[in-house]
């Protein structure tokens, strides 16, 4: 169960960080030079960025996803129990833990640039569209992964490395083990 909780929260933080990183990359590319020493971002600046980038809304969406996942994992517990998986205290605790991370990776000037971006019309659009974009991307990635795994399992079956049920057959006699070629990079063997 902890594995699912950790994975879910990791995805949330990665999604939030992903949009921040994308915006930061654009900000850094546009900069013509960097000062040699950059001022550290203050806690207040980071909290403004967390708020402006919609992390609180993402946590709300994550709460719904985590509640549904936990309900599936522990069906004997009423769904209502999981509804406050990430409550106000959880948001506050996660924010407190995230502040030093942002401070290690972003200078005060970076945070100011990100705040400017997230307060712009394009930044607000990123905040609005990113959850759907991430969800569609994850769905696409899962489907691709399923197709790729099926193709690779078919190759393993064809070469005799696994049987029709996907299990390893009895150990082959010495020197008769079939050669297994690595799938070609960019191979289209995942087609169905």
Protein backbone atom coordinates (compact mmCIF):
# COMPACT_ATOMS: atom_id res chain seq x y z
CA UNK A 1 0.00 0.00 0.00
CA UNK A 2 2.85 2.41 0.79
CA UNK A 3 4.20 1.72 -2.68
CA UNK A 4 0.98 3.11 -4.20
CA UNK A 5 0.93 6.13 -1.93
CA UNK A 6 4.55 6.95 -2.69
CA UNK A 7 4.06 6.43 -6.41
CA UNK A 8 0.97 8.64 -6.45
CA UNK A 9 2.57 11.46 -4.54
CA UNK A 10 5.70 11.12 -6.63
CA UNK A 11 3.64 11.52 -9.79
CA UNK A 12 1.95 14.58 -8.35
CA UNK A 13 5.21 16.24 -7.43
CA UNK A 14 6.75 15.28 -10.76
CA UNK A 15 3.80 16.75 -12.63
CA UNK A 16 4.07 20.00 -10.73
CA UNK A 17 7.82 20.08 -11.09
CA UNK A 18 7.56 19.22 -14.78
CA UNK A 19 5.61 22.33 -15.59
CA UNK A 20 7.94 24.42 -13.44
CA UNK A 21 11.00 22.94 -15.16
CA UNK A 22 9.53 23.50 -18.63
CA UNK A 23 8.82 27.11 -17.82
CA UNK A 24 12.26 27.54 -16.24
CA UNK A 25 13.98 26.07 -19.29
CA UNK A 26 12.20 28.58 -21.49
CA UNK A 27 13.11 31.37 -19.07
CA UNK A 28 16.80 30.37 -19.02
CA UNK A 29 17.00 30.09 -22.82
CA UNK A 30 15.67 33.62 -23.13
CA UNK A 31 18.24 35.00 -20.66
CA UNK A 32 21.36 36.39 -22.30
CA UNK A 33 23.62 36.02 -19.26
CA UNK A 34 23.55 34.87 -15.67
CA UNK A 35 25.08 36.67 -12.74
CA UNK A 36 27.95 34.74 -11.16
CA UNK A 37 26.28 34.65 -7.74
CA UNK A 38 22.54 34.37 -7.51
CA UNK A 39 20.48 35.25 -4.48
CA UNK A 40 18.67 32.35 -2.81
CA UNK A 41 14.92 32.36 -3.16
CA UNK A 42 13.06 33.24 0.00
CA UNK A 43 10.47 30.97 1.54
CA UNK A 44 7.82 33.58 0.73
CA UNK A 45 8.84 33.61 -2.96
CA UNK A 46 8.68 29.82 -3.17
CA UNK A 47 5.27 29.76 -1.49
CA UNK A 48 4.05 32.34 -4.02
CA UNK A 49 5.34 30.15 -6.84
CA UNK A 50 3.70 27.03 -5.41
CA UNK A 51 0.42 28.92 -5.20
CA UNK A 52 0.76 30.56 -8.63
CA UNK A 53 1.70 27.28 -10.34
CA UNK A 54 -1.45 25.59 -9.06
CA UNK A 55 0.16 22.96 -6.84
CA UNK A 56 -2.76 23.26 -4.40
CA UNK A 57 -5.23 22.44 -7.20
CA UNK A 58 -3.04 19.52 -8.30
CA UNK A 59 -3.05 18.25 -4.72
CA UNK A 60 -6.87 18.40 -4.76
CA UNK A 61 -6.95 16.37 -7.96
CA UNK A 62 -4.39 13.99 -6.54
CA UNK A 63 -6.57 13.56 -3.45
CA UNK A 64 -9.39 12.24 -5.64
CA UNK A 65 -7.06 9.88 -7.50
CA UNK A 66 -5.43 8.62 -4.31
CA UNK A 67 -8.83 8.08 -2.66
CA UNK A 68 -10.00 5.98 -5.61
CA UNK A 69 -6.76 3.99 -5.64
CA UNK A 70 -6.83 3.39 -1.89
CA UNK A 71 -10.47 2.30 -2.08
CA UNK A 72 -9.47 -0.34 -4.63
CA UNK A 73 -6.51 -1.45 -2.52
CA UNK A 74 -8.47 -1.63 0.74
CA UNK A 75 -12.12 -2.25 -0.24
CA UNK A 76 -13.18 -3.04 3.33
CA UNK A 77 -12.66 0.62 4.30
CA UNK A 78 -15.45 3.03 3.30
CA UNK A 79 -14.62 5.36 0.40
CA UNK A 80 -15.45 8.36 2.60
CA UNK A 81 -12.45 7.54 4.80
CA UNK A 82 -10.03 8.22 1.94
CA UNK A 83 -11.64 11.48 0.76
CA UNK A 84 -9.30 13.56 2.92
CA UNK A 85 -6.14 11.66 2.05
CA UNK A 86 -4.48 15.00 1.31
CA UNK A 87 -6.23 17.40 3.67
CA UNK A 88 -5.29 20.97 4.60
CA UNK A 89 -2.65 19.70 7.03
CA UNK A 90 -1.23 17.45 4.32
CA UNK A 91 -1.03 20.34 1.87
CA UNK A 92 0.71 22.47 4.49
CA UNK A 93 3.14 19.65 5.37
CA UNK A 94 3.98 18.93 1.71
CA UNK A 95 4.47 22.62 1.01
CA UNK A 96 6.85 22.98 3.96
CA UNK A 97 8.87 20.04 2.69
CA UNK A 98 8.89 21.33 -0.90
CA UNK A 99 10.17 24.84 -0.09
CA UNK A 100 13.81 23.80 0.53
CA UNK A 101 13.80 21.72 -2.66
CA UNK A 102 12.77 24.71 -4.74
CA UNK A 103 15.34 26.86 -2.91
CA UNK A 104 18.12 24.39 -3.81
CA UNK A 105 17.21 24.34 -7.49
CA UNK A 106 15.96 27.86 -8.23
CA UNK A 107 17.47 31.26 -7.45
CA UNK A 108 15.42 34.29 -6.44
CA UNK A 109 15.67 35.52 -10.06
CA UNK A 110 14.44 32.13 -11.33
CA UNK A 111 11.45 32.26 -9.00
CA UNK A 112 10.64 35.81 -10.12
CA UNK A 113 10.75 34.69 -13.77
CA UNK A 114 8.53 31.71 -13.02
CA UNK A 115 6.06 33.88 -11.11
CA UNK A 116 5.90 36.22 -14.09
CA UNK A 117 5.30 33.24 -16.39
CA UNK A 118 2.62 31.57 -14.25
CA UNK A 119 0.77 34.85 -13.82
CA UNK A 120 0.76 35.41 -17.59
CA UNK A 121 -2.07 34.16 -19.85
CA UNK A 122 0.18 31.38 -21.21
CA UNK A 123 1.21 30.35 -17.70
CA UNK A 124 -2.42 30.17 -16.59
CA UNK A 125 -3.16 28.05 -19.67
CA UNK A 126 -0.31 25.67 -18.74
CA UNK A 127 -1.79 25.32 -15.26
CA UNK A 128 -5.25 24.64 -16.70
CA UNK A 129 -4.18 22.24 -19.46
CA UNK A 130 -1.33 20.36 -17.78
CA UNK A 131 -3.48 17.87 -15.81
CA UNK A 132 -5.29 16.73 -18.97
CA UNK A 133 -2.05 16.72 -20.96
CA UNK A 134 -0.33 14.60 -18.31
CA UNK A 135 -3.30 12.21 -18.05
CA UNK A 136 -3.44 11.74 -21.82
CA UNK A 137 0.32 11.26 -21.95
CA UNK A 138 0.21 8.66 -19.18
CA UNK A 139 -2.61 6.80 -20.94
CA UNK A 140 -0.67 6.85 -24.20
CA UNK A 141 2.48 5.68 -22.43
CA UNK A 142 0.64 2.80 -20.76
CA UNK A 143 -0.83 1.65 -24.06
CA UNK A 144 2.52 1.92 -25.80
CA UNK A 145 4.17 0.01 -22.95
CA UNK A 146 1.54 -2.73 -23.15
CA UNK A 147 2.03 -3.08 -26.91
CA UNK A 148 5.81 -3.04 -26.59
CA UNK A 149 5.75 -5.69 -23.83
CA UNK A 150 3.47 -7.90 -25.94
CA UNK A 151 5.80 -7.62 -28.92
CA UNK A 152 8.85 -8.41 -26.82
CA UNK A 153 7.11 -11.37 -25.16
CA UNK A 154 6.16 -12.66 -28.62
CA UNK A 155 9.83 -12.37 -29.66
CA UNK A 156 10.87 -14.26 -26.51
CA UNK A 157 8.29 -16.98 -27.22
CA UNK A 158 9.38 -17.25 -30.85
CA UNK A 159 13.03 -17.63 -29.80
CA UNK A 160 12.12 -20.30 -27.23
CA UNK A 161 13.11 -18.24 -24.17
CA UNK A 162 9.57 -18.45 -22.74
CA UNK A 163 6.67 -20.84 -23.30
CA UNK A 164 3.16 -19.98 -24.55
CA UNK A 165 2.09 -19.02 -21.02
CA UNK A 166 5.00 -16.58 -20.67
CA UNK A 167 6.95 -18.78 -18.26
CA UNK A 168 10.57 -19.81 -18.51
CA UNK A 169 10.78 -23.37 -19.84
CA UNK A 170 12.95 -26.02 -18.21
CA UNK A 171 16.64 -25.19 -18.41
CA UNK A 172 18.04 -26.10 -21.84
CA UNK A 173 20.90 -28.54 -22.17
CA UNK A 174 24.37 -27.02 -22.01
CA UNK A 175 25.33 -25.26 -25.23
CA UNK A 176 21.83 -25.43 -26.73
CA UNK A 177 20.48 -22.20 -25.28
CA UNK A 178 18.90 -20.14 -28.08
CA UNK A 179 20.55 -16.83 -28.94
CA UNK A 180 18.48 -13.80 -28.01
CA UNK A 181 18.87 -10.69 -30.09
CA UNK A 182 18.17 -7.35 -28.48
CA UNK A 183 15.23 -5.51 -30.03
CA UNK A 184 16.34 -2.91 -32.53
CA UNK A 185 16.18 0.67 -31.35
CA UNK A 186 13.10 2.35 -32.71
CA UNK A 187 11.85 -1.04 -33.86
CA UNK A 188 8.28 -1.19 -34.98
CA UNK A 189 7.80 -4.66 -33.54
CA UNK A 190 5.25 -3.22 -31.12
CA UNK A 191 2.66 -2.94 -33.89
CA UNK A 192 -0.34 -5.20 -33.64
